[in-house]
Amino acid sequence: MNGDFKGNPIVIIKSNGNELTISSEGVPAFIYDNSTVVPISVLRNLGATVTWDANTYSVDISTTDSIVKQLFDEKIVTSGENVFYIQ
């Protein structure tokens, strides 16, 4: 952890031992209410394509082998035929 973001501890995200750049907007990954919050944009650094759909207020996250859809402000994520509930 390195510093804080709005009073919440910042965490460093690494992939294969290399620190990832979290976002160009300056929003870091941080711990909030005992959960780690990571900007979706970090997935771009892992090879995913992230697309915002302003018409449906959703974000589509695609990798070479899967597509994940997250509706804005909803606690449900779909990936193919799988549905995940975020707590």
N, C-alpha and C. Protein backbone atom coordinates (compact mmCIF):
# COMPACT_ATOMS: atom_id res chain seq x y z
N MET A 1 0.84 -1.18 0.00
CA MET A 1 0.00 0.00 0.00
C MET A 1 0.88 1.23 0.00
N ASN A 2 0.39 2.26 -0.66
CA ASN A 2 1.19 3.46 -0.79
C ASN A 2 0.28 4.68 -0.70
N GLY A 3 0.18 5.30 0.47
CA GLY A 3 -0.63 6.50 0.61
C GLY A 3 -2.11 6.20 0.77
N ASP A 4 -2.93 7.23 0.50
CA ASP A 4 -4.37 7.02 0.58
C ASP A 4 -5.09 7.82 -0.51
N PHE A 5 -6.31 7.40 -0.80
CA PHE A 5 -7.18 8.06 -1.76
C PHE A 5 -8.48 8.37 -1.05
N LYS A 6 -8.72 9.65 -0.81
CA LYS A 6 -9.91 10.09 -0.09
C LYS A 6 -10.07 9.35 1.24
N GLY A 7 -8.94 9.16 1.92
CA GLY A 7 -8.96 8.51 3.23
C GLY A 7 -8.93 7.00 3.20
N ASN A 8 -8.86 6.40 2.02
CA ASN A 8 -8.83 4.94 1.88
C ASN A 8 -7.44 4.50 1.43
N PRO A 9 -6.90 3.41 2.00
CA PRO A 9 -5.56 2.96 1.63
C PRO A 9 -5.45 2.59 0.15
N ILE A 10 -4.40 3.07 -0.51
CA ILE A 10 -4.14 2.74 -1.91
C ILE A 10 -3.42 1.39 -1.98
N VAL A 11 -3.76 0.58 -2.98
CA VAL A 11 -3.07 -0.68 -3.21
C VAL A 11 -2.40 -0.63 -4.58
N ILE A 12 -1.33 -1.38 -4.72
CA ILE A 12 -0.61 -1.47 -5.98
C ILE A 12 -1.01 -2.77 -6.65
N ILE A 13 -1.39 -2.70 -7.92
CA ILE A 13 -1.80 -3.87 -8.69
C ILE A 13 -0.63 -4.29 -9.57
N LYS A 14 -0.28 -5.59 -9.53
CA LYS A 14 0.81 -6.10 -10.34
C LYS A 14 0.32 -7.26 -11.20
N SER A 15 0.94 -7.40 -12.37
CA SER A 15 0.69 -8.53 -13.25
C SER A 15 2.05 -9.08 -13.65
N ASN A 16 2.27 -10.35 -13.39
CA ASN A 16 3.57 -10.99 -13.65
C ASN A 16 4.72 -10.22 -13.02
N GLY A 17 4.49 -9.67 -11.82
CA GLY A 17 5.53 -8.95 -11.10
C GLY A 17 5.72 -7.50 -11.51
N ASN A 18 4.99 -7.04 -12.53
CA ASN A 18 5.11 -5.67 -13.00
C ASN A 18 3.94 -4.83 -12.52
N GLU A 19 4.24 -3.65 -11.98
CA GLU A 19 3.17 -2.76 -11.51
C GLU A 19 2.39 -2.23 -12.71
N LEU A 20 1.06 -2.29 -12.61
CA LEU A 20 0.20 -1.81 -13.69
C LEU A 20 -0.13 -0.34 -13.48
N THR A 21 -0.21 0.39 -14.58
CA THR A 21 -0.73 1.75 -14.54
C THR A 21 -2.23 1.62 -14.42
N ILE A 22 -2.80 2.21 -13.40
CA ILE A 22 -4.22 2.01 -13.13
C ILE A 22 -5.10 2.82 -14.06
N SER A 23 -4.94 4.14 -14.10
CA SER A 23 -5.76 4.94 -14.99
C SER A 23 -5.10 6.28 -15.25
N SER A 24 -5.37 6.81 -16.42
CA SER A 24 -4.81 8.13 -16.76
C SER A 24 -5.54 9.24 -16.02
N GLU A 25 -6.72 8.94 -15.46
CA GLU A 25 -7.50 9.93 -14.73
C GLU A 25 -7.00 10.11 -13.30
N GLY A 26 -6.04 9.31 -12.88
CA GLY A 26 -5.47 9.45 -11.55
C GLY A 26 -6.26 8.78 -10.44
N VAL A 27 -7.18 7.89 -10.79
CA VAL A 27 -7.94 7.17 -9.76
C VAL A 27 -7.22 5.85 -9.51
N PRO A 28 -6.68 5.66 -8.30
CA PRO A 28 -5.93 4.44 -8.01
C PRO A 28 -6.85 3.31 -7.55
N ALA A 29 -6.27 2.13 -7.43
CA ALA A 29 -6.97 1.04 -6.74
C ALA A 29 -6.86 1.33 -5.25
N PHE A 30 -7.93 1.06 -4.50
CA PHE A 30 -7.91 1.37 -3.08
C PHE A 30 -8.81 0.41 -2.32
N ILE A 31 -8.65 0.40 -1.01
CA ILE A 31 -9.48 -0.44 -0.15
C ILE A 31 -10.61 0.41 0.42
N TYR A 32 -11.85 -0.08 0.26
CA TYR A 32 -13.02 0.62 0.78
C TYR A 32 -13.94 -0.42 1.42
N ASP A 33 -14.26 -0.22 2.67
CA ASP A 33 -15.17 -1.11 3.39
C ASP A 33 -14.74 -2.58 3.27
N ASN A 34 -13.44 -2.82 3.49
CA ASN A 34 -12.84 -4.15 3.44
C ASN A 34 -12.87 -4.82 2.07
N SER A 35 -13.07 -4.05 1.01
CA SER A 35 -13.02 -4.58 -0.35
C SER A 35 -12.03 -3.76 -1.17
N THR A 36 -11.34 -4.41 -2.11
CA THR A 36 -10.43 -3.70 -3.00
C THR A 36 -11.21 -3.21 -4.20
N VAL A 37 -11.14 -1.91 -4.46
CA VAL A 37 -11.83 -1.28 -5.58
C VAL A 37 -10.78 -0.99 -6.66
N VAL A 38 -10.99 -1.53 -7.85
CA VAL A 38 -10.04 -1.37 -8.95
C VAL A 38 -10.79 -0.76 -10.14
N PRO A 39 -10.29 0.34 -10.71
CA PRO A 39 -10.94 0.91 -11.89
C PRO A 39 -10.98 -0.12 -13.02
N ILE A 40 -12.08 -0.19 -13.72
CA ILE A 40 -12.23 -1.14 -14.83
C ILE A 40 -11.17 -0.91 -15.89
N SER A 41 -10.69 0.33 -16.01
CA SER A 41 -9.68 0.63 -17.03
C SER A 41 -8.40 -0.18 -16.86
N VAL A 42 -8.14 -0.71 -15.67
CA VAL A 42 -6.94 -1.53 -15.46
C VAL A 42 -6.98 -2.78 -16.33
N LEU A 43 -8.17 -3.22 -16.71
CA LEU A 43 -8.29 -4.42 -17.54
C LEU A 43 -7.66 -4.22 -18.91
N ARG A 44 -7.60 -2.97 -19.38
CA ARG A 44 -6.92 -2.69 -20.65
C ARG A 44 -5.46 -3.11 -20.58
N ASN A 45 -4.84 -2.90 -19.41
CA ASN A 45 -3.44 -3.27 -19.23
C ASN A 45 -3.24 -4.78 -19.20
N LEU A 46 -4.32 -5.51 -19.05
CA LEU A 46 -4.26 -6.97 -19.04
C LEU A 46 -4.69 -7.55 -20.38
N GLY A 47 -4.85 -6.68 -21.40
CA GLY A 47 -5.16 -7.13 -22.74
C GLY A 47 -6.64 -7.15 -23.09
N ALA A 48 -7.50 -6.68 -22.21
CA ALA A 48 -8.94 -6.66 -22.49
C ALA A 48 -9.31 -5.39 -23.25
N THR A 49 -10.39 -5.47 -23.97
CA THR A 49 -10.98 -4.30 -24.61
C THR A 49 -12.15 -3.86 -23.74
N VAL A 50 -12.16 -2.58 -23.37
CA VAL A 50 -13.20 -2.04 -22.50
C VAL A 50 -13.95 -0.98 -23.28
N THR A 51 -15.27 -1.14 -23.42
CA THR A 51 -16.08 -0.21 -24.19
C THR A 51 -17.28 0.25 -23.37
N TRP A 52 -17.46 1.57 -23.29
CA TRP A 52 -18.60 2.15 -22.58
C TRP A 52 -19.74 2.36 -23.56
N ASP A 53 -20.94 1.90 -23.22
CA ASP A 53 -22.14 2.09 -24.04
C ASP A 53 -23.03 3.10 -23.33
N ALA A 54 -23.02 4.34 -23.81
CA ALA A 54 -23.77 5.42 -23.18
C ALA A 54 -25.28 5.23 -23.31
N ASN A 55 -25.73 4.48 -24.31
CA ASN A 55 -27.17 4.26 -24.49
C ASN A 55 -27.75 3.35 -23.41
N THR A 56 -26.99 2.35 -23.00
CA THR A 56 -27.49 1.39 -22.01
C THR A 56 -26.82 1.55 -20.65
N TYR A 57 -25.94 2.53 -20.54
CA TYR A 57 -25.18 2.74 -19.29
C TYR A 57 -24.53 1.44 -18.84
N SER A 58 -23.81 0.82 -19.76
CA SER A 58 -23.13 -0.43 -19.44
C SER A 58 -21.72 -0.40 -20.00
N VAL A 59 -20.89 -1.27 -19.47
CA VAL A 59 -19.53 -1.41 -19.97
C VAL A 59 -19.37 -2.85 -20.45
N ASP A 60 -18.79 -3.00 -21.64
CA ASP A 60 -18.49 -4.32 -22.18
C ASP A 60 -16.99 -4.55 -22.06
N ILE A 61 -16.62 -5.67 -21.48
CA ILE A 61 -15.22 -6.04 -21.31
C ILE A 61 -14.99 -7.31 -22.11
N SER A 62 -14.08 -7.25 -23.09
CA SER A 62 -13.83 -8.40 -23.96
C SER A 62 -12.38 -8.82 -23.88
N THR A 63 -12.17 -10.13 -23.83
CA THR A 63 -10.84 -10.70 -23.99
C THR A 63 -10.92 -11.61 -25.19
N THR A 64 -9.84 -12.26 -25.51
CA THR A 64 -9.85 -13.13 -26.68
C THR A 64 -10.80 -14.31 -26.53
N ASP A 65 -11.16 -14.66 -25.28
CA ASP A 65 -12.01 -15.84 -25.09
C ASP A 65 -13.29 -15.60 -24.30
N SER A 66 -13.58 -14.34 -23.92
CA SER A 66 -14.84 -14.10 -23.21
C SER A 66 -15.25 -12.64 -23.29
N ILE A 67 -16.53 -12.41 -23.05
CA ILE A 67 -17.09 -11.06 -22.99
C ILE A 67 -17.85 -10.94 -21.68
N VAL A 68 -17.61 -9.86 -20.95
CA VAL A 68 -18.29 -9.60 -19.69
C VAL A 68 -19.07 -8.31 -19.85
N LYS A 69 -20.29 -8.27 -19.36
CA LYS A 69 -21.10 -7.06 -19.44
C LYS A 69 -21.49 -6.65 -18.03
N GLN A 70 -21.24 -5.38 -17.69
CA GLN A 70 -21.59 -4.82 -16.38
C GLN A 70 -22.47 -3.61 -16.61
N LEU A 71 -23.68 -3.64 -16.10
CA LEU A 71 -24.57 -2.49 -16.19
C LEU A 71 -24.19 -1.49 -15.12
N PHE A 72 -24.17 -0.22 -15.49
CA PHE A 72 -23.78 0.84 -14.56
C PHE A 72 -24.70 0.83 -13.35
N ASP A 73 -24.11 0.90 -12.18
CA ASP A 73 -24.83 0.99 -10.91
C ASP A 73 -25.69 -0.24 -10.61
N GLU A 74 -25.37 -1.37 -11.22
CA GLU A 74 -26.07 -2.61 -10.94
C GLU A 74 -25.10 -3.57 -10.27
N LYS A 75 -25.62 -4.54 -9.56
CA LYS A 75 -24.77 -5.50 -8.88
C LYS A 75 -24.81 -6.85 -9.57
N ILE A 76 -25.00 -6.83 -10.89
CA ILE A 76 -25.04 -8.05 -11.67
C ILE A 76 -24.04 -7.93 -12.81
N VAL A 77 -23.25 -8.97 -13.02
CA VAL A 77 -22.30 -9.03 -14.12
C VAL A 77 -22.62 -10.29 -14.90
N THR A 78 -22.67 -10.19 -16.23
CA THR A 78 -22.89 -11.38 -17.04
C THR A 78 -21.63 -11.67 -17.85
N SER A 79 -21.35 -12.95 -18.01
CA SER A 79 -20.23 -13.40 -18.82
C SER A 79 -20.70 -14.65 -19.55
N GLY A 80 -21.00 -14.49 -20.82
CA GLY A 80 -21.57 -15.61 -21.56
C GLY A 80 -22.91 -15.97 -20.95
N GLU A 81 -23.06 -17.22 -20.55
CA GLU A 81 -24.30 -17.66 -19.91
C GLU A 81 -24.24 -17.55 -18.40
N ASN A 82 -23.11 -17.14 -17.85
CA ASN A 82 -22.94 -17.02 -16.40
C ASN A 82 -23.38 -15.65 -15.91
N VAL A 83 -24.05 -15.63 -14.77
CA VAL A 83 -24.47 -14.39 -14.13
C VAL A 83 -23.85 -14.35 -12.75
N PHE A 84 -23.19 -13.23 -12.43
CA PHE A 84 -22.53 -13.07 -11.13
C PHE A 84 -23.18 -11.92 -10.40
N TYR A 85 -23.38 -12.08 -9.11
CA TYR A 85 -23.95 -11.03 -8.27
C TYR A 85 -22.84 -10.45 -7.42
N ILE A 86 -22.68 -9.14 -7.47
CA ILE A 86 -21.62 -8.46 -6.73
C ILE A 86 -22.19 -7.98 -5.41
N GLN A 87 -21.50 -8.30 -4.33
CA GLN A 87 -21.95 -7.86 -3.00
C GLN A 87 -21.12 -6.70 -2.54
